[in-house]
Amino acid sequence: MSELEEHTQRIREFCEARDWGQYTNPKDIALSLVLEATEVLEHFQWISDAEIDAHTAKHKNDIAEEVADTYYWILLLCDRMGVDLATAFQAKMAQNEAKYPVEKVKGKHTNKHQHKYTNL
C-alpha cells in the first residue's frame, strides 16, 4: 500500500468512526477544501514580498497544519469520487509538459493563456 493509500485509508477510518459519511458529499468536501485553502492564503495576506521569508519561517507549523487540512480534503474528495489521485496527477503533469514545453517557456512566467487583465 502506498503512503497516499495509507493516508486515504486513515481518513476513511477517521470518518467512519465518527459516522461522518453522511456529511461528506463532493459539494461539501469541495467547499471545505476551498475554505482550508483560504486559511493557507490568509498567512500571506497583507505582507510584502520582502516579509514572506520571515513570516513563513515564523509560522511554518501553522501553515503546515493548514496545508495538511487541504491535503485531507483533497484525499477525501478523491476517495468519495473514485479518483486515483496518483494517476490523475501523472496524467495532468503529462498534459502540462506538452502544453508548456521547456524550449518555449523556460524562464518565463507568462503564457498566451494568461489572464486578460494582467497588463493593466
Foldseek 3Di string as FASTA:
>chain_A
DDPLVVLLVVLVVVCVVVVNPVVDDLVNLVVQLVVLVVVLVVLVPPDDPVCVVVSCVVCVVVNVVSVVSNVSSVSSNCVNVVHDVVVVVVVVVVVVCVVDPCVVDPPHPDDPPPDPPPVD
